PDB file of all heavy atoms in Angstrom:
ATOM      1  N   PRO A   1      17.262  -9.321  -1.776  1.00  0.00           N
ATOM      2  CA  PRO A   1      16.546  -8.537  -0.758  1.00  0.00           C
ATOM      3  C   PRO A   1      15.154  -9.079  -0.452  1.00  0.00           C
ATOM      4  O   PRO A   1      14.726  -9.088   0.704  1.00  0.00           O
ATOM      5  CB  PRO A   1      16.474  -7.133  -1.384  1.00  0.00           C
ATOM      6  CG  PRO A   1      17.583  -7.094  -2.376  1.00  0.00           C
ATOM      7  CD  PRO A   1      17.675  -8.481  -2.916  1.00  0.00           C
ATOM      8  N   LEU A   2      14.443  -9.546  -1.486  1.00  0.00           N
ATOM      9  CA  LEU A   2      13.096 -10.067  -1.275  1.00  0.00           C
ATOM     10  C   LEU A   2      13.134 -11.320  -0.407  1.00  0.00           C
ATOM     11  O   LEU A   2      12.386 -11.431   0.578  1.00  0.00           O
ATOM     12  CB  LEU A   2      12.433 -10.372  -2.614  1.00  0.00           C
ATOM     13  CG  LEU A   2      11.059 -11.061  -2.535  1.00  0.00           C
ATOM     14  CD1 LEU A   2      10.070 -10.183  -1.789  1.00  0.00           C
ATOM     15  CD2 LEU A   2      10.546 -11.385  -3.940  1.00  0.00           C
ATOM     16  N   LEU A   3      14.003 -12.277  -0.751  1.00  0.00           N
ATOM     17  CA  LEU A   3      14.088 -13.503   0.037  1.00  0.00           C
ATOM     18  C   LEU A   3      14.561 -13.222   1.462  1.00  0.00           C
ATOM     19  O   LEU A   3      14.079 -13.829   2.420  1.00  0.00           O
ATOM     20  CB  LEU A   3      15.033 -14.496  -0.655  1.00  0.00           C
ATOM     21  CG  LEU A   3      14.561 -15.050  -2.001  1.00  0.00           C
ATOM     22  CD1 LEU A   3      15.610 -15.988  -2.585  1.00  0.00           C
ATOM     23  CD2 LEU A   3      13.233 -15.777  -1.850  1.00  0.00           C
ATOM     24  N   ALA A   4      15.520 -12.305   1.594  1.00  0.00           N
ATOM     25  CA  ALA A   4      16.021 -11.966   2.930  1.00  0.00           C
ATOM     26  C   ALA A   4      14.913 -11.408   3.804  1.00  0.00           C
ATOM     27  O   ALA A   4      14.770 -11.788   4.975  1.00  0.00           O
ATOM     28  CB  ALA A   4      17.167 -10.959   2.810  1.00  0.00           C
ATOM     29  N   ASN A   5      14.114 -10.522   3.243  1.00  0.00           N
ATOM     30  CA  ASN A   5      13.022  -9.933   4.026  1.00  0.00           C
ATOM     31  C   ASN A   5      11.938 -10.951   4.363  1.00  0.00           C
ATOM     32  O   ASN A   5      11.345 -10.912   5.447  1.00  0.00           O
ATOM     33  CB  ASN A   5      12.413  -8.751   3.275  1.00  0.00           C
ATOM     34  CG  ASN A   5      13.244  -7.494   3.413  1.00  0.00           C
ATOM     35  OD1 ASN A   5      13.568  -7.075   4.515  1.00  0.00           O
ATOM     36  ND2 ASN A   5      13.618  -6.895   2.296  1.00  0.00           N
ATOM     37  N   LEU A   6      11.672 -11.882   3.442  1.00  0.00           N
ATOM     38  CA  LEU A   6      10.673 -12.917   3.716  1.00  0.00           C
ATOM     39  C   LEU A   6      11.099 -13.791   4.893  1.00  0.00           C
ATOM     40  O   LEU A   6      10.303 -14.070   5.802  1.00  0.00           O
ATOM     41  CB  LEU A   6      10.463 -13.783   2.468  1.00  0.00           C
ATOM     42  CG  LEU A   6       9.679 -13.154   1.320  1.00  0.00           C
ATOM     43  CD1 LEU A   6       9.679 -14.086   0.108  1.00  0.00           C
ATOM     44  CD2 LEU A   6       8.248 -12.839   1.742  1.00  0.00           C
ATOM     45  N   TYR A   7      12.360 -14.224   4.885  1.00  0.00           N
ATOM     46  CA  TYR A   7      12.838 -15.093   5.965  1.00  0.00           C
ATOM     47  C   TYR A   7      12.992 -14.313   7.281  1.00  0.00           C
ATOM     48  O   TYR A   7      12.654 -14.825   8.353  1.00  0.00           O
ATOM     49  CB  TYR A   7      14.166 -15.737   5.572  1.00  0.00           C
ATOM     50  CG  TYR A   7      13.987 -16.969   4.716  1.00  0.00           C
ATOM     51  CD1 TYR A   7      14.038 -16.896   3.325  1.00  0.00           C
ATOM     52  CD2 TYR A   7      13.765 -18.215   5.305  1.00  0.00           C
ATOM     53  CE1 TYR A   7      13.871 -18.038   2.547  1.00  0.00           C
ATOM     54  CE2 TYR A   7      13.598 -19.354   4.530  1.00  0.00           C
ATOM     55  CZ  TYR A   7      13.649 -19.260   3.147  1.00  0.00           C
ATOM     56  OH  TYR A   7      13.476 -20.374   2.372  1.00  0.00           O
ATOM     57  N   MET A   8      13.513 -13.097   7.192  1.00  0.00           N
ATOM     58  CA  MET A   8      13.669 -12.308   8.418  1.00  0.00           C
ATOM     59  C   MET A   8      12.327 -11.963   9.019  1.00  0.00           C
ATOM     60  O   MET A   8      12.183 -11.879  10.246  1.00  0.00           O
ATOM     61  CB  MET A   8      14.466 -11.033   8.116  1.00  0.00           C
ATOM     62  CG  MET A   8      15.969 -11.229   8.062  1.00  0.00           C
ATOM     63  SD  MET A   8      16.689 -11.962   9.569  1.00  0.00           S
ATOM     64  CE  MET A   8      16.220 -10.747  10.801  1.00  0.00           C
ATOM     65  N   ASN A   9      11.312 -11.774   8.185  1.00  0.00           N
ATOM     66  CA  ASN A   9       9.980 -11.497   8.698  1.00  0.00           C
ATOM     67  C   ASN A   9       9.470 -12.670   9.538  1.00  0.00           C
ATOM     68  O   ASN A   9       8.838 -12.477  10.584  1.00  0.00           O
ATOM     69  CB  ASN A   9       9.018 -11.203   7.550  1.00  0.00           C
ATOM     70  CG  ASN A   9       7.621 -10.885   8.043  1.00  0.00           C
ATOM     71  OD1 ASN A   9       7.402  -9.894   8.721  1.00  0.00           O
ATOM     72  ND2 ASN A   9       6.662 -11.743   7.705  1.00  0.00           N
ATOM     73  N   ARG A  10       9.736 -13.903   9.066  1.00  0.00           N
ATOM     74  CA  ARG A  10       9.326 -15.089   9.824  1.00  0.00           C
ATOM     75  C   ARG A  10      10.058 -15.137  11.167  1.00  0.00           C
ATOM     76  O   ARG A  10       9.458 -15.444  12.207  1.00  0.00           O
ATOM     77  CB  ARG A  10       9.627 -16.351   9.032  1.00  0.00           C
ATOM     78  CG  ARG A  10       8.828 -16.490   7.746  1.00  0.00           C
ATOM     79  CD  ARG A  10       9.151 -17.785   7.033  1.00  0.00           C
ATOM     80  NE  ARG A  10       8.731 -18.941   7.807  1.00  0.00           N
ATOM     81  CZ  ARG A  10       9.022 -20.203   7.484  1.00  0.00           C
ATOM     82  NH1 ARG A  10       9.756 -20.445   6.406  1.00  0.00           N
ATOM     83  NH2 ARG A  10       8.602 -21.195   8.231  1.00  0.00           N
ATOM     84  N   PHE A  11      11.358 -14.832  11.129  1.00  0.00           N
ATOM     85  CA  PHE A  11      12.139 -14.849  12.368  1.00  0.00           C
ATOM     86  C   PHE A  11      11.647 -13.786  13.349  1.00  0.00           C
ATOM     87  O   PHE A  11      11.437 -14.056  14.537  1.00  0.00           O
ATOM     88  CB  PHE A  11      13.613 -14.628  12.048  1.00  0.00           C
ATOM     89  CG  PHE A  11      14.476 -14.376  13.255  1.00  0.00           C
ATOM     90  CD1 PHE A  11      14.812 -15.405  14.104  1.00  0.00           C
ATOM     91  CD2 PHE A  11      14.932 -13.095  13.550  1.00  0.00           C
ATOM     92  CE1 PHE A  11      15.599 -15.180  15.234  1.00  0.00           C
ATOM     93  CE2 PHE A  11      15.711 -12.858  14.668  1.00  0.00           C
ATOM     94  CZ  PHE A  11      16.047 -13.906  15.499  1.00  0.00           C
ATOM     95  N   LEU A  12      11.442 -12.571  12.855  1.00  0.00           N
ATOM     96  CA  LEU A  12      11.018 -11.469  13.731  1.00  0.00           C
ATOM     97  C   LEU A  12       9.615 -11.701  14.285  1.00  0.00           C
ATOM     98  O   LEU A  12       9.324 -11.348  15.438  1.00  0.00           O
ATOM     99  CB  LEU A  12      11.078 -10.150  12.963  1.00  0.00           C
ATOM    100  CG  LEU A  12      12.484  -9.686  12.545  1.00  0.00           C
ATOM    101  CD1 LEU A  12      12.391  -8.459  11.643  1.00  0.00           C
ATOM    102  CD2 LEU A  12      13.341  -9.391  13.763  1.00  0.00           C
ATOM    103  N   LYS A  13       8.746 -12.285  13.464  1.00  0.00           N
ATOM    104  CA  LYS A  13       7.390 -12.568  13.928  1.00  0.00           C
ATOM    105  C   LYS A  13       7.421 -13.594  15.059  1.00  0.00           C
ATOM    106  O   LYS A  13       6.734 -13.434  16.081  1.00  0.00           O
ATOM    107  CB  LYS A  13       6.527 -13.085  12.780  1.00  0.00           C
ATOM    108  CG  LYS A  13       5.073 -13.319  13.158  1.00  0.00           C
ATOM    109  CD  LYS A  13       4.261 -13.742  11.939  1.00  0.00           C
ATOM    110  CE  LYS A  13       2.795 -13.954  12.331  1.00  0.00           C
ATOM    111  NZ  LYS A  13       1.992 -14.361  11.146  1.00  0.00           N
ATOM    112  N   TYR A  14       8.228 -14.632  14.903  1.00  0.00           N
ATOM    113  CA  TYR A  14       8.336 -15.648  15.947  1.00  0.00           C
ATOM    114  C   TYR A  14       8.988 -15.058  17.197  1.00  0.00           C
ATOM    115  O   TYR A  14       8.639 -15.431  18.325  1.00  0.00           O
ATOM    116  CB  TYR A  14       9.147 -16.835  15.425  1.00  0.00           C
ATOM    117  CG  TYR A  14       9.070 -18.058  16.301  1.00  0.00           C
ATOM    118  CD1 TYR A  14       7.837 -18.611  16.649  1.00  0.00           C
ATOM    119  CD2 TYR A  14      10.228 -18.674  16.780  1.00  0.00           C
ATOM    120  CE1 TYR A  14       7.765 -19.734  17.457  1.00  0.00           C
ATOM    121  CE2 TYR A  14      10.162 -19.793  17.591  1.00  0.00           C
ATOM    122  CZ  TYR A  14       8.925 -20.318  17.923  1.00  0.00           C
ATOM    123  OH  TYR A  14       8.861 -21.431  18.729  1.00  0.00           O
ATOM    124  N   TRP A  15       9.935 -14.157  17.006  1.00  0.00           N
ATOM    125  CA  TRP A  15      10.558 -13.453  18.141  1.00  0.00           C
ATOM    126  C   TRP A  15       9.506 -12.718  18.957  1.00  0.00           C
ATOM    127  O   TRP A  15       9.515 -12.757  20.186  1.00  0.00           O
ATOM    128  CB  TRP A  15      11.620 -12.489  17.610  1.00  0.00           C
ATOM    129  CG  TRP A  15      12.242 -11.571  18.627  1.00  0.00           C
ATOM    130  CD1 TRP A  15      11.733 -10.391  19.086  1.00  0.00           C
ATOM    131  CD2 TRP A  15      13.495 -11.743  19.302  1.00  0.00           C
ATOM    132  NE1 TRP A  15      12.572  -9.805  19.995  1.00  0.00           N
ATOM    133  CE2 TRP A  15      13.665 -10.614  20.148  1.00  0.00           C
ATOM    134  CE3 TRP A  15      14.480 -12.715  19.255  1.00  0.00           C
ATOM    135  CZ2 TRP A  15      14.797 -10.456  20.958  1.00  0.00           C
ATOM    136  CZ3 TRP A  15      15.613 -12.557  20.063  1.00  0.00           C
ATOM    137  CH2 TRP A  15      15.756 -11.439  20.897  1.00  0.00           C
ATOM    138  N   ARG A  16       8.586 -12.059  18.246  1.00  0.00           N
ATOM    139  CA  ARG A  16       7.557 -11.269  18.945  1.00  0.00           C
ATOM    140  C   ARG A  16       6.533 -12.151  19.651  1.00  0.00           C
ATOM    141  O   ARG A  16       6.207 -11.919  20.813  1.00  0.00           O
ATOM    142  CB  ARG A  16       6.851 -10.339  17.949  1.00  0.00           C
ATOM    143  CG  ARG A  16       7.702  -9.199  17.435  1.00  0.00           C
ATOM    144  CD  ARG A  16       6.855  -8.164  16.717  1.00  0.00           C
ATOM    145  NE  ARG A  16       6.183  -8.744  15.549  1.00  0.00           N
ATOM    146  CZ  ARG A  16       6.699  -8.747  14.331  1.00  0.00           C
ATOM    147  NH1 ARG A  16       7.903  -8.237  14.113  1.00  0.00           N
ATOM    148  NH2 ARG A  16       6.036  -9.267  13.318  1.00  0.00           N
ATOM    149  N   ILE A  17       6.008 -13.154  18.936  1.00  0.00           N
ATOM    150  CA  ILE A  17       4.909 -13.936  19.514  1.00  0.00           C
ATOM    151  C   ILE A  17       5.377 -14.828  20.658  1.00  0.00           C
ATOM    152  O   ILE A  17       4.559 -15.245  21.500  1.00  0.00           O
ATOM    153  CB  ILE A  17       4.206 -14.787  18.437  1.00  0.00           C
ATOM    154  CG1 ILE A  17       5.140 -15.836  17.863  1.00  0.00           C
ATOM    155  CG2 ILE A  17       3.638 -13.901  17.346  1.00  0.00           C
ATOM    156  CD1 ILE A  17       4.483 -16.752  16.841  1.00  0.00           C
ATOM    157  N   THR A  18       6.671 -15.126  20.727  1.00  0.00           N
ATOM    158  CA  THR A  18       7.184 -15.925  21.845  1.00  0.00           C
ATOM    159  C   THR A  18       7.732 -15.057  22.976  1.00  0.00           C
ATOM    160  O   THR A  18       8.240 -15.592  23.975  1.00  0.00           O
ATOM    161  CB  THR A  18       8.303 -16.872  21.356  1.00  0.00           C
ATOM    162  OG1 THR A  18       9.346 -16.113  20.726  1.00  0.00           O
ATOM    163  CG2 THR A  18       7.739 -17.901  20.376  1.00  0.00           C
ATOM    164  N   GLY A  19       7.641 -13.730  22.812  1.00  0.00           N
ATOM    165  CA  GLY A  19       8.059 -12.833  23.881  1.00  0.00           C
ATOM    166  C   GLY A  19       9.548 -12.875  24.172  1.00  0.00           C
ATOM    167  O   GLY A  19       9.969 -12.683  25.320  1.00  0.00           O
ATOM    168  N   ARG A  20      10.355 -13.113  23.143  1.00  0.00           N
ATOM    169  CA  ARG A  20      11.794 -13.196  23.370  1.00  0.00           C
ATOM    170  C   ARG A  20      12.390 -11.874  23.822  1.00  0.00           C
ATOM    171  O   ARG A  20      13.391 -11.855  24.562  1.00  0.00           O
ATOM    172  CB  ARG A  20      12.502 -13.659  22.090  1.00  0.00           C
ATOM    173  CG  ARG A  20      12.189 -15.051  21.662  1.00  0.00           C
ATOM    174  CD  ARG A  20      12.631 -16.071  22.683  1.00  0.00           C
ATOM    175  NE  ARG A  20      11.505 -16.557  23.479  1.00  0.00           N
ATOM    176  CZ  ARG A  20      11.607 -17.451  24.450  1.00  0.00           C
ATOM    177  NH1 ARG A  20      12.784 -17.938  24.767  1.00  0.00           N
ATOM    178  NH2 ARG A  20      10.545 -17.834  25.132  1.00  0.00           N
ATOM    179  N   GLY A  21      11.804 -10.767  23.371  1.00  0.00           N
ATOM    180  CA  GLY A  21      12.346  -9.471  23.756  1.00  0.00           C
ATOM    181  C   GLY A  21      12.325  -9.279  25.261  1.00  0.00           C
ATOM    182  O   GLY A  21      13.313  -8.828  25.860  1.00  0.00           O
ATOM    183  N   GLU A  22      11.212  -9.623  25.878  1.00  0.00           N
ATOM    184  CA  GLU A  22      11.097  -9.499  27.335  1.00  0.00           C
ATOM    185  C   GLU A  22      11.938 -10.554  28.039  1.00  0.00           C
ATOM    186  O   GLU A  22      12.583 -10.279  29.058  1.00  0.00           O
ATOM    187  CB  GLU A  22       9.635  -9.635  27.760  1.00  0.00           C
ATOM    188  CG  GLU A  22       8.732  -8.497  27.294  1.00  0.00           C
ATOM    189  CD  GLU A  22       8.357  -8.625  25.824  1.00  0.00           C
ATOM    190  OE1 GLU A  22       8.620  -9.703  25.223  1.00  0.00           O
ATOM    191  OE2 GLU A  22       7.817  -7.644  25.272  1.00  0.00           O
ATOM    192  N   PHE A  23      11.949 -11.781  27.498  1.00  0.00           N
ATOM    193  CA  PHE A  23      12.671 -12.870  28.155  1.00  0.00           C
ATOM    194  C   PHE A  23      14.177 -12.628  28.149  1.00  0.00           C
ATOM    195  O   PHE A  23      14.855 -12.861  29.159  1.00  0.00           O
ATOM    196  CB  PHE A  23      12.349 -14.193  27.456  1.00  0.00           C
ATOM    197  CG  PHE A  23      12.954 -15.393  28.119  1.00  0.00           C
ATOM    198  CD1 PHE A  23      12.359 -15.949  29.243  1.00  0.00           C
ATOM    199  CD2 PHE A  23      14.134 -15.959  27.643  1.00  0.00           C
ATOM    200  CE1 PHE A  23      12.930 -17.054  29.870  1.00  0.00           C
ATOM    201  CE2 PHE A  23      14.702 -17.055  28.257  1.00  0.00           C
ATOM    202  CZ  PHE A  23      14.103 -17.614  29.380  1.00  0.00           C
ATOM    203  N   PHE A  24      14.706 -12.182  27.017  1.00  0.00           N
ATOM    204  CA  PHE A  24      16.147 -11.943  26.903  1.00  0.00           C
ATOM    205  C   PHE A  24      16.523 -10.494  27.227  1.00  0.00           C
ATOM    206  O   PHE A  24      17.703 -10.154  27.146  1.00  0.00           O
ATOM    207  CB  PHE A  24      16.634 -12.264  25.484  1.00  0.00           C
ATOM    208  CG  PHE A  24      16.547 -13.708  25.110  1.00  0.00           C
ATOM    209  CD1 PHE A  24      15.990 -14.095  23.907  1.00  0.00           C
ATOM    210  CD2 PHE A  24      17.021 -14.693  25.965  1.00  0.00           C
ATOM    211  CE1 PHE A  24      15.911 -15.436  23.546  1.00  0.00           C
ATOM    212  CE2 PHE A  24      16.950 -16.034  25.621  1.00  0.00           C
ATOM    213  CZ  PHE A  24      16.391 -16.400  24.412  1.00  0.00           C
ATOM    214  N   GLN A  25      15.542  -9.670  27.588  1.00  0.00           N
ATOM    215  CA  GLN A  25      15.780  -8.234  27.790  1.00  0.00           C
ATOM    216  C   GLN A  25      16.544  -7.691  26.587  1.00  0.00           C
ATOM    217  O   GLN A  25      17.603  -7.095  26.709  1.00  0.00           O
ATOM    218  CB  GLN A  25      16.568  -7.982  29.072  1.00  0.00           C
ATOM    219  CG  GLN A  25      15.901  -8.501  30.333  1.00  0.00           C
ATOM    220  CD  GLN A  25      16.736  -8.210  31.570  1.00  0.00           C
ATOM    221  OE1 GLN A  25      17.134  -7.076  31.804  1.00  0.00           O
ATOM    222  NE2 GLN A  25      17.004  -9.237  32.360  1.00  0.00           N
ATOM    223  N   ALA A  26      15.966  -7.923  25.404  1.00  0.00           N
ATOM    224  CA  ALA A  26      16.712  -7.668  24.171  1.00  0.00           C
ATOM    225  C   ALA A  26      15.838  -7.017  23.116  1.00  0.00           C
ATOM    226  O   ALA A  26      14.611  -7.022  23.199  1.00  0.00           O
ATOM    227  CB  ALA A  26      17.287  -8.978  23.632  1.00  0.00           C
ATOM    228  N   GLN A  27      16.508  -6.474  22.143  1.00  0.00           N
ATOM    229  CA  GLN A  27      15.851  -5.868  20.984  1.00  0.00           C
ATOM    230  C   GLN A  27      16.630  -6.254  19.732  1.00  0.00           C
ATOM    231  O   GLN A  27      17.865  -6.254  19.722  1.00  0.00           O
ATOM    232  CB  GLN A  27      15.805  -4.347  21.121  1.00  0.00           C
ATOM    233  CG  GLN A  27      15.118  -3.648  19.963  1.00  0.00           C
ATOM    234  CD  GLN A  27      15.021  -2.148  20.183  1.00  0.00           C
ATOM    235  OE1 GLN A  27      15.343  -1.640  21.255  1.00  0.00           O
ATOM    236  NE2 GLN A  27      14.590  -1.428  19.158  1.00  0.00           N
ATOM    237  N   VAL A  28      15.911  -6.587  18.657  1.00  0.00           N
ATOM    238  CA  VAL A  28      16.529  -6.941  17.385  1.00  0.00           C
ATOM    239  C   VAL A  28      16.524  -5.716  16.471  1.00  0.00           C
ATOM    240  O   VAL A  28      15.492  -5.060  16.309  1.00  0.00           O
ATOM    241  CB  VAL A  28      15.789  -8.099  16.689  1.00  0.00           C
ATOM    242  CG1 VAL A  28      16.463  -8.435  15.351  1.00  0.00           C
ATOM    243  CG2 VAL A  28      15.769  -9.330  17.575  1.00  0.00           C
ATOM    244  N   VAL A  29      17.670  -5.412  15.883  1.00  0.00           N
ATOM    245  CA  VAL A  29      17.777  -4.344  14.888  1.00  0.00           C
ATOM    246  C   VAL A  29      18.283  -4.995  13.608  1.00  0.00           C
ATOM    247  O   VAL A  29      19.344  -5.633  13.615  1.00  0.00           O
ATOM    248  CB  VAL A  29      18.754  -3.241  15.335  1.00  0.00           C
ATOM    249  CG1 VAL A  29      18.820  -2.139  14.287  1.00  0.00           C
ATOM    250  CG2 VAL A  29      18.338  -2.671  16.686  1.00  0.00           C
ATOM    251  N   ASN A  30      17.516  -4.860  12.527  1.00  0.00           N
ATOM    252  CA  ASN A  30      17.928  -5.543  11.298  1.00  0.00           C
ATOM    253  C   ASN A  30      17.724  -4.678  10.071  1.00  0.00           C
ATOM    254  O   ASN A  30      16.927  -3.734  10.065  1.00  0.00           O
ATOM    255  CB  ASN A  30      17.144  -6.846  11.125  1.00  0.00           C
ATOM    256  CG  ASN A  30      15.758  -6.621  10.539  1.00  0.00           C
ATOM    257  OD1 ASN A  30      14.884  -6.067  11.217  1.00  0.00           O
ATOM    258  ND2 ASN A  30      15.551  -7.046   9.296  1.00  0.00           N
ATOM    259  N   TYR A  31      18.470  -5.024   9.036  1.00  0.00           N
ATOM    260  CA  TYR A  31      18.288  -4.461   7.695  1.00  0.00           C
ATOM    261  C   TYR A  31      18.499  -5.608   6.730  1.00  0.00           C
ATOM    262  O   TYR A  31      19.612  -6.133   6.628  1.00  0.00           O
ATOM    263  CB  TYR A  31      19.270  -3.326   7.423  1.00  0.00           C
ATOM    264  CG  TYR A  31      19.080  -2.690   6.068  1.00  0.00           C
ATOM    265  CD1 TYR A  31      18.093  -1.726   5.874  1.00  0.00           C
ATOM    266  CD2 TYR A  31      19.867  -3.078   4.982  1.00  0.00           C
ATOM    267  CE1 TYR A  31      17.904  -1.149   4.635  1.00  0.00           C
ATOM    268  CE2 TYR A  31      19.684  -2.500   3.739  1.00  0.00           C
ATOM    269  CZ  TYR A  31      18.701  -1.540   3.571  1.00  0.00           C
ATOM    270  OH  TYR A  31      18.509  -0.976   2.331  1.00  0.00           O
ATOM    271  N   THR A  32      17.438  -6.032   6.058  1.00  0.00           N
ATOM    272  CA  THR A  32      17.400  -7.250   5.236  1.00  0.00           C
ATOM    273  C   THR A  32      17.938  -8.422   6.063  1.00  0.00           C
ATOM    274  O   THR A  32      17.368  -8.759   7.090  1.00  0.00           O
ATOM    275  CB  THR A  32      18.160  -7.080   3.907  1.00  0.00           C
ATOM    276  OG1 THR A  32      19.538  -6.797   4.155  1.00  0.00           O
ATOM    277  CG2 THR A  32      17.557  -5.954   3.100  1.00  0.00           C
ATOM    278  N   ASP A  33      19.077  -9.032   5.649  1.00  0.00           N
ATOM    279  CA  ASP A  33      19.538 -10.217   6.368  1.00  0.00           C
ATOM    280  C   ASP A  33      20.639  -9.916   7.382  1.00  0.00           C
ATOM    281  O   ASP A  33      21.175 -10.839   8.007  1.00  0.00           O
ATOM    282  CB  ASP A  33      20.042 -11.272   5.371  1.00  0.00           C
ATOM    283  CG  ASP A  33      21.209 -10.757   4.530  1.00  0.00           C
ATOM    284  OD1 ASP A  33      21.364  -9.527   4.442  1.00  0.00           O
ATOM    285  OD2 ASP A  33      21.938 -11.573   3.958  1.00  0.00           O
ATOM    286  N   ASP A  34      20.983  -8.665   7.573  1.00  0.00           N
ATOM    287  CA  ASP A  34      21.950  -8.283   8.602  1.00  0.00           C
ATOM    288  C   ASP A  34      21.198  -7.843   9.848  1.00  0.00           C
ATOM    289  O   ASP A  34      20.273  -7.020   9.764  1.00  0.00           O
ATOM    290  CB  ASP A  34      22.843  -7.131   8.118  1.00  0.00           C
ATOM    291  CG  ASP A  34      23.834  -7.583   7.059  1.00  0.00           C
ATOM    292  OD1 ASP A  34      24.212  -8.767   7.078  1.00  0.00           O
ATOM    293  OD2 ASP A  34      24.223  -6.759   6.216  1.00  0.00           O
ATOM    294  N   PHE A  35      21.583  -8.368  11.005  1.00  0.00           N
ATOM    295  CA  PHE A  35      20.895  -7.965  12.227  1.00  0.00           C
ATOM    296  C   PHE A  35      21.810  -8.117  13.438  1.00  0.00           C
ATOM    297  O   PHE A  35      22.773  -8.884  13.427  1.00  0.00           O
ATOM    298  CB  PHE A  35      19.610  -8.774  12.420  1.00  0.00           C
ATOM    299  CG  PHE A  35      19.810 -10.242  12.702  1.00  0.00           C
ATOM    300  CD1 PHE A  35      19.771 -10.726  13.999  1.00  0.00           C
ATOM    301  CD2 PHE A  35      20.025 -11.144  11.664  1.00  0.00           C
ATOM    302  CE1 PHE A  35      19.934 -12.083  14.262  1.00  0.00           C
ATOM    303  CE2 PHE A  35      20.192 -12.489  11.911  1.00  0.00           C
ATOM    304  CZ  PHE A  35      20.145 -12.968  13.220  1.00  0.00           C
ATOM    305  N   VAL A  36      21.494  -7.345  14.464  1.00  0.00           N
ATOM    306  CA  VAL A  36      22.154  -7.464  15.756  1.00  0.00           C
ATOM    307  C   VAL A  36      21.074  -7.616  16.814  1.00  0.00           C
ATOM    308  O   VAL A  36      19.951  -7.124  16.654  1.00  0.00           O
ATOM    309  CB  VAL A  36      23.042  -6.240  16.089  1.00  0.00           C
ATOM    310  CG1 VAL A  36      24.190  -6.119  15.116  1.00  0.00           C
ATOM    311  CG2 VAL A  36      22.214  -4.963  16.101  1.00  0.00           C
ATOM    312  N   ILE A  37      21.420  -8.312  17.876  1.00  0.00           N
ATOM    313  CA  ILE A  37      20.517  -8.461  19.013  1.00  0.00           C
ATOM    314  C   ILE A  37      21.175  -7.763  20.194  1.00  0.00           C
ATOM    315  O   ILE A  37      22.272  -8.136  20.624  1.00  0.00           O
ATOM    316  CB  ILE A  37      20.263  -9.939  19.340  1.00  0.00           C
ATOM    317  CG1 ILE A  37      19.603 -10.638  18.144  1.00  0.00           C
ATOM    318  CG2 ILE A  37      19.376 -10.065  20.574  1.00  0.00           C
ATOM    319  CD1 ILE A  37      19.386 -12.126  18.355  1.00  0.00           C
ATOM    320  N   LEU A  38      20.514  -6.744  20.687  1.00  0.00           N
ATOM    321  CA  LEU A  38      21.025  -5.981  21.829  1.00  0.00           C
ATOM    322  C   LEU A  38      20.375  -6.535  23.087  1.00  0.00           C
ATOM    323  O   LEU A  38      19.170  -6.405  23.294  1.00  0.00           O
ATOM    324  CB  LEU A  38      20.692  -4.495  21.653  1.00  0.00           C
ATOM    325  CG  LEU A  38      21.131  -3.882  20.315  1.00  0.00           C
ATOM    326  CD1 LEU A  38      20.647  -2.440  20.202  1.00  0.00           C
ATOM    327  CD2 LEU A  38      22.643  -3.959  20.156  1.00  0.00           C
ATOM    328  N   SER A  39      21.168  -7.172  23.922  1.00  0.00           N
ATOM    329  CA  SER A  39      20.632  -7.866  25.087  1.00  0.00           C
ATOM    330  C   SER A  39      21.373  -7.455  26.348  1.00  0.00           C
ATOM    331  O   SER A  39      22.568  -7.144  26.305  1.00  0.00           O
ATOM    332  CB  SER A  39      20.749  -9.385  24.897  1.00  0.00           C
ATOM    333  OG  SER A  39      20.348 -10.076  26.058  1.00  0.00           O
TER     334      SER A  39
END
């Protein structure tokens, strides 16, 4: 769980700072290393 959250945090942070949510009209929902992208 610790490693999963560390890596997912990096992914989610990059998702936010690059504005992927607005670009893909999407939202990420995750729990540790499981996630879905609603686009």
